[in-house]
Amino acid sequence: MSIVEHEVVALTGNEAAAEAMRQINPDVVAAYPITPQTEIMQVFSSYVADGAVDTELIAVESEHSAMSACIGAAAAGARVMTATSSQGLALMWEMLYIAASLRLPIVMVDVNRALSGNINIHCDHSDTMGARDSGWIQIYSENAQEIYHNIIQAVPIAEGIFLPTMVMMDGFITSHAIEPVKLMPDGDVKEFVGERRSPYSLLDYRNPITVGPLDLPDYYFEHKRMEAEAMRQAKGVILDVARRFEKKFEVKYDLLEGYMLEDAEVAVVCIGSACGTAREAVRILRDDGIKAGLLKIRVFRPFPFIEIADALKDKAAVAVMDRAEGMSGWGGPLFAEVRSALFDLERRPKVVNYIYGLGGRDVKVDQFVSVFHELVELAEGKPVELVNYLGVRE
């Protein structure tokens, strides 16, 4: 039975994800438990047991097998979903590239959790940032409401461009915290996602196809070029789906979201649940007369470099917040890409990096306030370290 008895209900992020999956009613879900994702599949399995969905739920022996099962089902023409976290995503590594290369529109929820070692079950973005070049579309969520909306949008996005899509939320911070979530009627969600009509299927013996053949130098390059072009064009599909979503449900989404950004002189760039913390810091600083702003990145793949440059082009100083250490000796992965996006501007803002919250360490409003104060100093010409570690014991 649906939990939709009232328009607004109190749900964890994991429960909101499971509810979105119930309304989507995928053909196949391959499931393997891992903290902090397990609750998604636990709740969804109850929907299967109760007959609330028609899904074939496959319990597998590992996350590698989960993605393998998803690949086979998607190649047969099914609408396919799964979920994972951290080491589970890492165990899928080989299959992530295969799913993307075969242009299979699989939708996966990743509940962000630090990669080992040492073993840690709490949030950072090292798992999905490590998979950023695997060919999957990546959409990050700030809260339970967004995870619900983003999963529903991910289905027509993936099926519209034929690329697998992963939707993220922060482990425990979002996945296990209870928040009010406004749910949409089942029929409206079903109408929005529609029915999957695959142009091919491994089960269609009248029109046989080859999937995953040996791809030597004579064609491999061309196939990778086609995959890259699909990722480039995915931006338009994401925006088209967002427009349809806004028209039907009156909620607006974009690649990016600014908060008090237009007239800001200093700004932070952030992903995930910490955007709420940054937003509160912006309000405090505005009350103190400092023109602070926030740029929240929702879609990380395809990377919205043109839109980021346009949003930040007139800022004096920018701090890019990374919840992952890039291990490059030159800051985090988001920092590298945002800085690159700004390179061709005639008048570039000064850009510094703050790595924060690794392994689930809390990031607080006063820490964001301190970042903004350092940005003001940077804008005034005072030196600030290029790469900084926020809240670490040095």
Protein backbone atom coordinates (compact mmCIF):
# COMPACT_ATOMS: atom_id res chain seq x y z
CA MET A 1 0.00 0.00 0.00
CA SER A 2 1.20 3.52 -0.79
CA ILE A 3 2.27 5.72 2.09
CA VAL A 4 0.63 8.64 0.28
CA GLU A 5 -2.23 9.47 2.60
CA HIS A 6 -1.40 13.14 2.98
CA GLU A 7 0.20 15.58 0.58
CA VAL A 8 3.07 16.31 2.96
CA VAL A 9 4.56 13.49 5.04
CA ALA A 10 7.59 13.10 7.31
CA LEU A 11 10.16 10.87 5.62
CA THR A 12 13.83 10.07 5.76
CA GLY A 13 15.74 10.65 2.56
CA ASN A 14 15.92 6.90 2.07
CA GLU A 15 12.16 6.56 2.48
CA ALA A 16 11.61 9.39 0.00
CA ALA A 17 13.86 7.57 -2.49
CA ALA A 18 11.95 4.30 -2.01
CA GLU A 19 8.65 6.12 -2.46
CA ALA A 20 9.86 7.63 -5.74
CA MET A 21 10.87 4.16 -6.89
CA ARG A 22 7.44 2.79 -5.93
CA GLN A 23 5.71 5.43 -8.00
CA ILE A 24 8.03 4.84 -10.94
CA ASN A 25 7.36 1.07 -10.68
CA PRO A 26 10.50 -0.13 -12.53
CA ASP A 27 10.51 -3.50 -14.29
CA VAL A 28 13.65 -4.74 -12.54
CA VAL A 29 15.53 -3.73 -9.39
CA ALA A 30 18.77 -5.45 -8.38
CA ALA A 31 19.41 -5.09 -4.67
CA TYR A 32 22.35 -5.49 -2.35
CA PRO A 33 22.52 -3.88 1.12
CA ILE A 34 25.18 -1.44 2.25
CA THR A 35 25.12 1.27 4.92
CA PRO A 36 23.66 3.90 4.63
CA GLN A 37 21.70 2.84 1.53
CA THR A 38 20.16 -0.37 2.92
CA GLU A 39 16.93 1.29 4.06
CA ILE A 40 16.02 2.19 0.47
CA MET A 41 15.96 -1.43 -0.64
CA GLN A 42 14.45 -2.57 2.64
CA VAL A 43 11.46 -0.25 2.20
CA PHE A 44 11.18 -0.96 -1.52
CA SER A 45 11.23 -4.72 -0.91
CA SER A 46 8.17 -4.29 1.31
CA TYR A 47 6.40 -2.68 -1.64
CA VAL A 48 7.31 -5.71 -3.75
CA ALA A 49 6.10 -8.12 -1.06
CA ASP A 50 2.82 -6.20 -0.65
CA GLY A 51 2.15 -6.16 -4.38
CA ALA A 52 2.34 -2.37 -4.57
CA VAL A 53 4.70 -2.64 -7.57
CA ASP A 54 5.16 -5.09 -10.45
CA THR A 55 8.93 -5.02 -10.08
CA GLU A 56 11.12 -8.10 -10.38
CA LEU A 57 13.38 -7.67 -7.34
CA ILE A 58 16.65 -9.54 -7.71
CA ALA A 59 18.67 -10.17 -4.55
CA VAL A 60 22.29 -10.57 -5.64
CA GLU A 61 25.52 -11.51 -3.89
CA SER A 62 27.44 -8.25 -4.41
CA GLU A 63 27.21 -4.77 -5.85
CA HIS A 64 29.22 -5.92 -8.87
CA SER A 65 26.51 -8.48 -9.49
CA ALA A 66 23.80 -5.86 -8.92
CA MET A 67 25.10 -3.68 -11.74
CA SER A 68 25.69 -6.74 -13.92
CA ALA A 69 22.06 -7.73 -13.46
CA CYS A 70 20.96 -4.19 -14.25
CA ILE A 71 23.00 -4.21 -17.47
CA GLY A 72 21.44 -7.46 -18.63
CA ALA A 73 17.91 -6.33 -17.81
CA ALA A 74 18.34 -2.93 -19.43
CA ALA A 75 19.81 -4.50 -22.57
CA ALA A 76 16.66 -6.65 -22.73
CA GLY A 77 14.58 -3.46 -22.79
CA ALA A 78 13.50 -3.22 -19.15
CA ARG A 79 13.26 -0.09 -17.01
CA VAL A 80 15.91 -0.77 -14.36
CA MET A 81 16.94 0.79 -11.04
CA THR A 82 19.29 0.06 -8.16
CA ALA A 83 20.97 1.80 -5.21
CA THR A 84 24.31 1.66 -3.44
CA SER A 85 26.93 3.53 -1.38
CA SER A 86 30.69 3.89 -1.04
CA GLN A 87 32.51 0.55 -1.36
CA GLY A 88 29.47 -0.82 -3.16
CA LEU A 89 29.87 1.77 -5.88
CA ALA A 90 33.59 1.03 -5.98
CA LEU A 91 32.89 -2.68 -6.42
CA MET A 92 30.71 -1.77 -9.41
CA TRP A 93 33.53 0.23 -11.03
CA GLU A 94 34.10 -2.18 -13.94
CA MET A 95 30.39 -2.39 -14.67
CA LEU A 96 29.76 1.37 -14.43
CA TYR A 97 31.86 1.94 -17.53
CA ILE A 98 30.18 -0.92 -19.37
CA ALA A 99 26.68 0.38 -18.56
CA ALA A 100 27.60 3.82 -19.88
CA SER A 101 29.44 2.53 -22.95
CA LEU A 102 26.45 0.37 -23.89
CA ARG A 103 24.21 3.47 -23.51
CA LEU A 104 21.85 1.77 -21.06
CA PRO A 105 19.42 4.13 -19.24
CA ILE A 106 19.84 2.62 -15.75
CA VAL A 107 18.91 4.84 -12.79
CA MET A 108 20.88 4.39 -9.57
CA VAL A 109 20.62 6.13 -6.21
CA ASP A 110 23.95 6.58 -4.42
CA VAL A 111 23.85 7.51 -0.75
CA ASN A 112 27.19 9.28 -0.46
CA ARG A 113 29.62 7.68 1.98
CA ALA A 114 33.38 7.90 2.39
CA LEU A 115 35.52 5.33 0.65
CA SER A 116 37.82 3.18 2.77
CA GLY A 117 40.39 3.17 4.19
CA ASN A 118 40.18 3.46 7.01
CA ILE A 119 36.66 2.14 7.07
CA ASN A 120 34.09 4.87 7.59
CA ILE A 121 30.31 4.70 7.18
CA HIS A 122 29.61 8.44 7.14
CA CYS A 123 29.29 11.01 4.41
CA ASP A 124 31.67 12.48 2.00
CA HIS A 125 31.63 12.58 -1.80
CA SER A 126 34.71 10.47 -2.49
CA ASP A 127 32.61 7.59 -3.88
CA THR A 128 30.75 9.44 -6.63
CA MET A 129 33.55 11.92 -7.33
CA GLY A 130 35.71 8.88 -7.99
CA ALA A 131 33.15 7.78 -10.59
CA ARG A 132 32.83 11.18 -12.21
CA ASP A 133 34.51 10.11 -15.46
CA SER A 134 32.65 6.81 -15.86
CA GLY A 135 30.10 8.21 -18.31
CA TRP A 136 27.16 8.46 -15.90
CA ILE A 137 25.04 11.57 -15.54
CA GLN A 138 25.36 12.79 -11.92
CA ILE A 139 22.69 14.75 -10.05
CA TYR A 140 23.22 15.83 -6.42
CA SER A 141 20.41 16.45 -3.92
CA GLU A 142 20.39 18.86 -0.99
CA ASN A 143 17.52 17.34 1.00
CA ALA A 144 14.83 14.64 1.05
CA GLN A 145 12.46 16.65 -1.15
CA GLU A 146 15.11 16.99 -3.83
CA ILE A 147 16.06 13.32 -3.75
CA TYR A 148 12.40 12.46 -4.36
CA HIS A 149 12.10 14.92 -7.25
CA ASN A 150 15.50 14.10 -8.76
CA ILE A 151 14.85 10.35 -8.91
CA ILE A 152 11.57 10.92 -10.73
CA GLN A 153 13.28 13.24 -13.22
CA ALA A 154 16.21 10.84 -13.65
CA VAL A 155 14.06 8.26 -15.46
CA PRO A 156 13.09 10.43 -18.47
CA ILE A 157 16.57 11.97 -18.46
CA ALA A 158 18.31 8.59 -18.73
CA GLU A 159 15.82 7.24 -21.26
CA GLY A 160 15.85 10.49 -23.24
CA ILE A 161 19.61 10.48 -23.91
CA PHE A 162 20.41 6.78 -23.36
CA LEU A 163 22.95 7.32 -20.61
CA PRO A 164 22.83 5.83 -17.10
CA THR A 165 22.06 8.34 -14.38
CA MET A 166 22.98 8.37 -10.70
CA VAL A 167 21.19 10.53 -8.15
CA MET A 168 23.00 11.36 -4.91
CA MET A 169 22.17 12.31 -1.34
CA ASP A 170 24.44 12.70 1.67
CA GLY A 171 24.70 9.63 3.86
CA PHE A 172 22.95 9.89 7.25
CA ILE A 173 22.71 13.71 6.95
CA THR A 174 19.98 13.35 4.32
CA SER A 175 19.38 9.61 4.11
CA HIS A 176 18.41 9.11 7.76
CA ALA A 177 17.17 12.56 8.82
CA ILE A 178 13.39 12.97 8.85
CA GLU A 179 12.04 15.93 6.89
CA PRO A 180 8.67 17.02 5.49
CA VAL A 181 8.35 15.83 1.89
CA LYS A 182 5.58 16.90 -0.45
CA LEU A 183 4.56 13.85 -2.47
CA MET A 184 2.84 13.86 -5.84
CA PRO A 185 -0.11 11.64 -6.79
CA ASP A 186 0.80 8.21 -8.19
CA GLY A 187 -1.05 8.85 -11.45
CA ASP A 188 0.75 12.13 -12.09
CA VAL A 189 4.17 10.53 -11.55
CA LYS A 190 3.25 7.58 -13.77
CA GLU A 191 2.15 9.97 -16.51
CA PHE A 192 5.33 12.02 -16.17
CA VAL A 193 7.76 9.11 -16.44
CA GLY A 194 5.66 7.30 -19.06
CA GLU A 195 6.36 3.79 -20.32
CA ARG A 196 9.79 2.73 -21.45
CA ARG A 197 9.81 1.88 -25.13
CA SER A 198 13.25 0.57 -25.93
CA PRO A 199 14.25 0.68 -29.61
CA TYR A 200 16.01 -2.65 -29.20
CA SER A 201 16.03 -5.71 -27.00
CA LEU A 202 18.22 -8.75 -26.58
CA LEU A 203 14.99 -10.76 -26.36
CA ASP A 204 13.76 -9.72 -29.82
CA TYR A 205 14.93 -12.71 -31.83
CA ARG A 206 13.31 -11.33 -34.99
CA ASN A 207 15.69 -8.35 -34.89
CA PRO A 208 18.92 -9.70 -33.40
CA ILE A 209 21.51 -7.26 -32.07
CA THR A 210 25.02 -7.48 -30.68
CA VAL A 211 25.74 -5.95 -27.29
CA GLY A 212 29.26 -5.52 -25.90
CA PRO A 213 31.33 -6.97 -28.74
CA LEU A 214 35.12 -6.80 -28.97
CA ASP A 215 35.87 -3.21 -29.97
CA LEU A 216 39.38 -2.91 -31.40
CA PRO A 217 41.14 0.21 -32.79
CA ASP A 218 39.01 0.29 -35.94
CA TYR A 219 35.83 1.42 -34.06
CA TYR A 220 36.49 1.93 -30.32
CA PHE A 221 37.46 5.60 -30.79
CA GLU A 222 34.26 6.36 -32.71
CA HIS A 223 32.10 4.69 -30.10
CA LYS A 224 33.72 6.71 -27.29
CA ARG A 225 33.24 9.89 -29.33
CA MET A 226 29.52 9.07 -29.64
CA GLU A 227 29.28 8.50 -25.89
CA ALA A 228 31.00 11.83 -25.21
CA GLU A 229 28.62 13.59 -27.58
CA ALA A 230 25.65 12.07 -25.76
CA MET A 231 26.96 13.49 -22.48
CA ARG A 232 27.33 16.90 -24.10
CA GLN A 233 23.76 16.77 -25.38
CA ALA A 234 22.46 15.49 -22.05
CA LYS A 235 22.42 19.05 -20.73
CA GLY A 236 19.56 19.91 -23.10
CA VAL A 237 17.63 16.77 -22.12
CA ILE A 238 18.04 17.55 -18.39
CA LEU A 239 16.72 21.07 -18.92
CA ASP A 240 13.82 19.85 -21.07
CA VAL A 241 12.82 17.33 -18.38
CA ALA A 242 13.08 20.10 -15.76
CA ARG A 243 10.76 22.32 -17.81
CA ARG A 244 8.21 19.51 -18.13
CA PHE A 245 8.51 18.84 -14.40
CA GLU A 246 7.90 22.50 -13.59
CA LYS A 247 4.88 22.65 -15.90
CA LYS A 248 3.30 19.56 -14.32
CA PHE A 249 4.31 19.93 -10.66
CA GLU A 250 5.07 23.68 -10.36
CA VAL A 251 8.57 23.09 -8.98
CA LYS A 252 11.51 24.61 -10.84
CA TYR A 253 14.86 22.87 -11.30
CA ASP A 254 17.96 23.84 -13.25
CA LEU A 255 21.58 22.77 -13.59
CA LEU A 256 22.55 25.30 -10.91
CA GLU A 257 20.82 27.31 -8.23
CA GLY A 258 21.94 30.68 -6.93
CA TYR A 259 21.10 32.17 -3.56
CA MET A 260 21.58 35.93 -3.17
CA LEU A 261 24.14 35.51 -5.93
CA GLU A 262 23.31 38.20 -8.48
CA ASP A 263 24.70 41.14 -6.52
CA ALA A 264 27.17 39.10 -4.44
CA GLU A 265 30.79 40.21 -4.29
CA VAL A 266 32.03 36.98 -2.69
CA ALA A 267 30.52 33.53 -3.15
CA VAL A 268 30.89 29.88 -2.24
CA VAL A 269 30.26 26.98 -4.61
CA CYS A 270 28.78 23.91 -2.95
CA ILE A 271 27.15 20.52 -3.59
CA GLY A 272 24.73 18.49 -1.45
CA SER A 273 23.39 19.01 2.05
CA ALA A 274 26.01 21.60 3.04
CA CYS A 275 24.25 24.07 0.74
CA GLY A 276 21.68 24.57 3.50
CA THR A 277 24.44 25.42 5.96
CA ALA A 278 26.02 27.82 3.47
CA ARG A 279 22.66 29.47 2.85
CA GLU A 280 22.29 30.26 6.56
CA ALA A 281 25.81 31.75 6.60
CA VAL A 282 24.89 33.96 3.63
CA ARG A 283 21.86 35.29 5.51
CA ILE A 284 24.00 36.13 8.56
CA LEU A 285 26.61 37.92 6.47
CA ARG A 286 24.00 39.88 4.56
CA ASP A 287 22.67 41.14 7.89
CA ASP A 288 26.24 42.28 8.64
CA GLY A 289 26.43 44.17 5.36
CA ILE A 290 28.65 41.70 3.49
CA LYS A 291 27.45 40.87 -0.02
CA ALA A 292 27.78 37.09 0.19
CA GLY A 293 26.18 34.54 -2.13
CA LEU A 294 25.89 30.82 -2.82
CA LEU A 295 26.12 28.86 -6.06
CA LYS A 296 24.69 25.37 -5.62
CA ILE A 297 25.61 22.83 -8.27
CA ARG A 298 22.83 20.30 -8.83
CA VAL A 299 24.11 18.62 -12.01
CA PHE A 300 27.79 17.69 -11.90
CA ARG A 301 27.79 15.51 -15.03
CA PRO A 302 27.50 16.89 -17.63
CA PHE A 303 29.56 19.64 -16.05
CA PRO A 304 27.80 23.02 -16.54
CA PHE A 305 30.99 25.00 -17.19
CA ILE A 306 29.36 27.73 -19.30
CA GLU A 307 26.63 28.35 -16.73
CA ILE A 308 29.12 28.37 -13.84
CA ALA A 309 31.34 30.91 -15.59
CA ASP A 310 28.34 33.13 -16.29
CA ALA A 311 27.13 32.91 -12.67
CA LEU A 312 30.54 33.79 -11.17
CA LYS A 313 32.04 36.12 -13.76
CA ASP A 314 31.56 39.34 -11.80
CA LYS A 315 32.56 38.07 -8.32
CA ALA A 316 35.68 39.32 -6.60
CA ALA A 317 36.50 36.06 -4.80
CA VAL A 318 35.06 32.53 -4.83
CA ALA A 319 35.52 29.56 -2.51
CA VAL A 320 34.86 26.11 -3.96
CA MET A 321 33.79 23.66 -1.26
CA ASP A 322 34.86 20.04 -1.77
CA ARG A 323 33.58 17.14 0.34
CA ALA A 324 36.26 14.97 -1.27
CA GLU A 325 40.05 15.10 -1.39
CA GLY A 326 41.23 14.77 -4.98
CA MET A 327 44.63 13.37 -3.93
CA SER A 328 46.15 15.42 -6.74
CA GLY A 329 48.15 17.65 -4.42
CA TRP A 330 46.15 20.50 -5.90
CA GLY A 331 42.80 20.47 -4.12
CA GLY A 332 39.49 18.69 -4.61
CA PRO A 333 37.79 17.60 -7.85
CA LEU A 334 35.07 20.26 -7.82
CA PHE A 335 37.68 22.97 -7.31
CA ALA A 336 39.70 21.82 -10.32
CA GLU A 337 36.67 21.87 -12.62
CA VAL A 338 35.17 25.15 -11.40
CA ARG A 339 38.57 26.87 -11.66
CA SER A 340 38.94 25.52 -15.18
CA ALA A 341 35.46 26.79 -16.10
CA LEU A 342 36.52 30.31 -15.07
CA PHE A 343 39.86 30.27 -16.90
CA ASP A 344 38.72 31.95 -20.12
CA LEU A 345 36.93 34.85 -18.43
CA GLU A 346 38.44 38.24 -19.25
CA ARG A 347 38.16 39.20 -15.59
CA ARG A 348 38.47 36.13 -13.40
CA PRO A 349 37.51 36.03 -9.74
CA LYS A 350 40.15 34.88 -7.29
CA VAL A 351 39.38 31.23 -6.50
CA VAL A 352 40.39 29.15 -3.49
CA ASN A 353 39.46 25.67 -2.30
CA TYR A 354 38.13 24.44 1.03
CA ILE A 355 38.03 20.70 1.66
CA TYR A 356 35.57 19.91 4.44
CA GLY A 357 33.48 17.23 6.10
CA LEU A 358 35.54 14.17 5.15
CA GLY A 359 34.31 10.98 6.78
CA GLY A 360 31.15 12.71 7.98
CA ARG A 361 32.74 15.45 10.06
CA ASP A 362 30.17 18.16 10.77
CA VAL A 363 30.47 21.48 8.99
CA LYS A 364 28.90 24.35 10.90
CA VAL A 365 27.46 27.72 10.03
CA ASP A 366 30.26 29.61 11.81
CA GLN A 367 32.81 27.74 9.69
CA PHE A 368 31.10 28.92 6.51
CA VAL A 369 31.00 32.43 7.98
CA SER A 370 34.77 32.23 8.48
CA VAL A 371 35.20 31.17 4.85
CA PHE A 372 33.29 34.24 3.69
CA HIS A 373 35.41 36.51 5.89
CA GLU A 374 38.56 35.03 4.34
CA LEU A 375 37.05 35.65 0.89
CA VAL A 376 36.56 39.31 1.80
CA GLU A 377 40.24 39.46 2.78
CA LEU A 378 41.19 37.74 -0.49
CA ALA A 379 39.14 40.26 -2.46
CA GLU A 380 41.00 43.06 -0.65
CA GLY A 381 44.33 41.60 -1.75
CA LYS A 382 45.32 39.81 1.42
CA PRO A 383 46.86 36.33 1.00
CA VAL A 384 44.73 33.21 1.49
CA GLU A 385 46.02 29.66 0.98
CA LEU A 386 44.97 28.17 -2.36
CA VAL A 387 43.86 24.87 -0.76
CA ASN A 388 42.46 24.88 2.77
CA TYR A 389 41.12 22.18 5.11
CA LEU A 390 38.06 23.40 6.98
CA GLY A 391 37.68 21.97 10.49
CA VAL A 392 40.63 19.59 10.46
CA ARG A 393 43.17 19.25 13.30
CA GLU A 394 46.44 20.22 11.63
